[in-house]
Amino acid sequence: MANFNKSRFGSRPGPPTKKKSYKGGGGKKKNVARRAPKAPLTPKPVNYEETGMEAAYLKELVDTETPVVVVLSSGERLRGVVRYYDRDVFSLGPADGGPKLFLRKSGIRYLYEE
């Protein structure tokens, strides 16, 4: 009588059984979520109104009455002393004794001390 429980490849017919791998990395692998590579750190844009440095510098110019040169967006240069400042404008007392000038900060290219 034929033996139906045995096949020519092993004792049980059916799908192959898993064989142990002997190539290292043994043990169960933990579920470790793969992370996307971190983007390089870029500095956040600085809002100069929030730092307070502009206000501190202008206050120092007012207190010390330091002569400054203001270069406007048009290229014109004005000399004088900073008398007053706020968020949008500041007042320049010209060195030649003329009336105070109120200058919008948006119209100024830069200023420097003399």
C-alpha atoms as a PDB file:
ATOM      1  CA  MET A   1       0.000   0.000   0.000  1.00  0.00           C
ATOM      2  CA  ALA A   2       1.204   3.493  -0.811  1.00  0.00           C
ATOM      3  CA  ASN A   3       2.143   5.894   1.926  1.00  0.00           C
ATOM      4  CA  PHE A   4       0.086   9.060   1.279  1.00  0.00           C
ATOM      5  CA  ASN A   5       1.418  11.087   4.253  1.00  0.00           C
ATOM      6  CA  LYS A   6       4.933  11.253   2.901  1.00  0.00           C
ATOM      7  CA  SER A   7       6.132  13.121  -0.136  1.00  0.00           C
ATOM      8  CA  ARG A   8       9.430  12.730  -1.771  1.00  0.00           C
ATOM      9  CA  PHE A   9      10.651  16.123  -0.279  1.00  0.00           C
ATOM     10  CA  GLY A  10       9.690  15.652   3.319  1.00  0.00           C
ATOM     11  CA  SER A  11       7.214  14.185   5.657  1.00  0.00           C
ATOM     12  CA  ARG A  12       4.351  16.595   4.903  1.00  0.00           C
ATOM     13  CA  PRO A  13       3.130  17.910   1.624  1.00  0.00           C
ATOM     14  CA  GLY A  14       2.338  21.610   1.356  1.00  0.00           C
ATOM     15  CA  PRO A  15       4.106  24.983   1.261  1.00  0.00           C
ATOM     16  CA  PRO A  16       7.719  25.096   2.342  1.00  0.00           C
ATOM     17  CA  THR A  17       8.349  25.938   5.964  1.00  0.00           C
ATOM     18  CA  LYS A  18      10.393  28.981   7.042  1.00  0.00           C
ATOM     19  CA  LYS A  19      14.001  28.219   7.634  1.00  0.00           C
ATOM     20  CA  LYS A  20      16.059  30.089  10.167  1.00  0.00           C
ATOM     21  CA  SER A  21      18.485  32.604   8.768  1.00  0.00           C
ATOM     22  CA  TYR A  22      22.006  32.351  10.081  1.00  0.00           C
ATOM     23  CA  LYS A  23      23.183  35.630   8.542  1.00  0.00           C
ATOM     24  CA  GLY A  24      23.238  37.750  11.713  1.00  0.00           C
ATOM     25  CA  GLY A  25      20.930  40.465  12.955  1.00  0.00           C
ATOM     26  CA  GLY A  26      19.244  37.848  15.082  1.00  0.00           C
ATOM     27  CA  GLY A  27      16.335  38.470  17.284  1.00  0.00           C
ATOM     28  CA  LYS A  28      13.099  40.188  16.511  1.00  0.00           C
ATOM     29  CA  LYS A  29      13.228  43.495  14.714  1.00  0.00           C
ATOM     30  CA  LYS A  30      11.615  46.334  16.562  1.00  0.00           C
ATOM     31  CA  ASN A  31       9.082  48.518  14.839  1.00  0.00           C
ATOM     32  CA  VAL A  32      11.207  51.579  14.287  1.00  0.00           C
ATOM     33  CA  ALA A  33       9.523  54.272  12.249  1.00  0.00           C
ATOM     34  CA  ARG A  34      11.796  55.651   9.589  1.00  0.00           C
ATOM     35  CA  ARG A  35      12.168  59.378   9.820  1.00  0.00           C
ATOM     36  CA  ALA A  36      12.576  61.704   6.918  1.00  0.00           C
ATOM     37  CA  PRO A  37      16.031  63.269   6.839  1.00  0.00           C
ATOM     38  CA  LYS A  38      16.104  66.529   8.724  1.00  0.00           C
ATOM     39  CA  ALA A  39      16.207  69.652   6.638  1.00  0.00           C
ATOM     40  CA  PRO A  40      19.203  71.870   7.309  1.00  0.00           C
ATOM     41  CA  LEU A  41      18.486  74.473   9.930  1.00  0.00           C
ATOM     42  CA  THR A  42      17.750  77.804   8.349  1.00  0.00           C
ATOM     43  CA  PRO A  43      17.500  80.867  10.498  1.00  0.00           C
ATOM     44  CA  LYS A  44      14.035  82.266  10.837  1.00  0.00           C
ATOM     45  CA  PRO A  45      13.543  85.685   9.319  1.00  0.00           C
ATOM     46  CA  VAL A  46      14.039  88.324  11.966  1.00  0.00           C
ATOM     47  CA  ASN A  47      11.399  90.974  12.482  1.00  0.00           C
ATOM     48  CA  TYR A  48      13.511  93.968  13.451  1.00  0.00           C
ATOM     49  CA  GLU A  49      10.610  95.679  15.200  1.00  0.00           C
ATOM     50  CA  GLU A  50      10.444  92.819  17.703  1.00  0.00           C
ATOM     51  CA  THR A  51      14.145  92.793  18.615  1.00  0.00           C
ATOM     52  CA  GLY A  52      14.111  96.334  20.017  1.00  0.00           C
ATOM     53  CA  MET A  53      17.628  96.987  18.724  1.00  0.00           C
ATOM     54  CA  GLU A  54      16.542  99.760  16.345  1.00  0.00           C
ATOM     55  CA  ALA A  55      14.706 101.578  19.133  1.00  0.00           C
ATOM     56  CA  ALA A  56      17.669 101.172  21.489  1.00  0.00           C
ATOM     57  CA  TYR A  57      20.062 102.589  18.878  1.00  0.00           C
ATOM     58  CA  LEU A  58      17.825 105.572  18.101  1.00  0.00           C
ATOM     59  CA  LYS A  59      17.348 106.251  21.830  1.00  0.00           C
ATOM     60  CA  GLU A  60      21.124 106.284  22.247  1.00  0.00           C
ATOM     61  CA  LEU A  61      21.403 108.777  19.364  1.00  0.00           C
ATOM     62  CA  VAL A  62      18.757 111.022  20.958  1.00  0.00           C
ATOM     63  CA  ASP A  63      20.331 110.876  24.427  1.00  0.00           C
ATOM     64  CA  THR A  64      23.903 111.529  23.272  1.00  0.00           C
ATOM     65  CA  GLU A  65      22.906 114.029  20.544  1.00  0.00           C
ATOM     66  CA  THR A  66      25.310 112.334  18.153  1.00  0.00           C
ATOM     67  CA  PRO A  67      25.507 113.998  14.722  1.00  0.00           C
ATOM     68  CA  VAL A  68      24.346 111.636  11.958  1.00  0.00           C
ATOM     69  CA  VAL A  69      24.122 111.601   8.190  1.00  0.00           C
ATOM     70  CA  VAL A  70      20.872 110.227   6.770  1.00  0.00           C
ATOM     71  CA  VAL A  71      20.915 108.950   3.190  1.00  0.00           C
ATOM     72  CA  LEU A  72      17.459 108.988   1.620  1.00  0.00           C
ATOM     73  CA  SER A  73      16.205 106.532  -0.989  1.00  0.00           C
ATOM     74  CA  SER A  74      16.733 109.226  -3.628  1.00  0.00           C
ATOM     75  CA  GLY A  75      20.426 109.473  -2.661  1.00  0.00           C
ATOM     76  CA  GLU A  76      20.102 112.880  -0.956  1.00  0.00           C
ATOM     77  CA  ARG A  77      22.129 113.238   2.250  1.00  0.00           C
ATOM     78  CA  LEU A  78      20.904 115.128   5.311  1.00  0.00           C
ATOM     79  CA  ARG A  79      23.073 116.003   8.299  1.00  0.00           C
ATOM     80  CA  GLY A  80      21.749 116.612  11.777  1.00  0.00           C
ATOM     81  CA  VAL A  81      20.878 115.233  15.192  1.00  0.00           C
ATOM     82  CA  VAL A  82      18.051 112.778  15.894  1.00  0.00           C
ATOM     83  CA  ARG A  83      15.519 114.574  18.129  1.00  0.00           C
ATOM     84  CA  TYR A  84      12.550 112.181  18.172  1.00  0.00           C
ATOM     85  CA  TYR A  85      11.625 108.726  16.875  1.00  0.00           C
ATOM     86  CA  ASP A  86       8.731 106.313  16.808  1.00  0.00           C
ATOM     87  CA  ARG A  87       7.790 103.218  14.817  1.00  0.00           C
ATOM     88  CA  ASP A  88       7.384 104.909  11.414  1.00  0.00           C
ATOM     89  CA  VAL A  89       9.200 108.272  11.524  1.00  0.00           C
ATOM     90  CA  PHE A  90      11.948 110.139  13.247  1.00  0.00           C
ATOM     91  CA  SER A  91      12.792 113.801  13.554  1.00  0.00           C
ATOM     92  CA  LEU A  92      16.111 115.199  12.448  1.00  0.00           C
ATOM     93  CA  GLY A  93      17.329 118.563  13.752  1.00  0.00           C
ATOM     94  CA  PRO A  94      19.577 119.841  10.930  1.00  0.00           C
ATOM     95  CA  ALA A  95      23.110 120.875  11.818  1.00  0.00           C
ATOM     96  CA  ASP A  96      22.668 124.246  10.084  1.00  0.00           C
ATOM     97  CA  GLY A  97      20.006 125.349  12.594  1.00  0.00           C
ATOM     98  CA  GLY A  98      17.058 124.961  10.234  1.00  0.00           C
ATOM     99  CA  PRO A  99      13.645 123.601  11.239  1.00  0.00           C
ATOM    100  CA  LYS A 100      13.193 119.995  12.306  1.00  0.00           C
ATOM    101  CA  LEU A 101      12.550 117.489   9.553  1.00  0.00           C
ATOM    102  CA  PHE A 102      10.251 114.523  10.006  1.00  0.00           C
ATOM    103  CA  LEU A 103      11.521 111.628   7.907  1.00  0.00           C
ATOM    104  CA  ARG A 104       9.600 108.442   7.221  1.00  0.00           C
ATOM    105  CA  LYS A 105      11.720 105.364   7.894  1.00  0.00           C
ATOM    106  CA  SER A 106      10.452 103.802   4.667  1.00  0.00           C
ATOM    107  CA  GLY A 107      12.116 106.635   2.682  1.00  0.00           C
ATOM    108  CA  ILE A 108      15.542 106.155   4.273  1.00  0.00           C
ATOM    109  CA  ARG A 109      18.216 103.962   2.735  1.00  0.00           C
ATOM    110  CA  TYR A 110      20.562 104.091   5.746  1.00  0.00           C
ATOM    111  CA  LEU A 111      22.121 106.395   8.329  1.00  0.00           C
ATOM    112  CA  TYR A 112      25.528 106.595   9.931  1.00  0.00           C
ATOM    113  CA  GLU A 113      27.221 108.561  12.679  1.00  0.00           C
ATOM    114  CA  GLU A 114      29.602 111.374  11.794  1.00  0.00           C
END
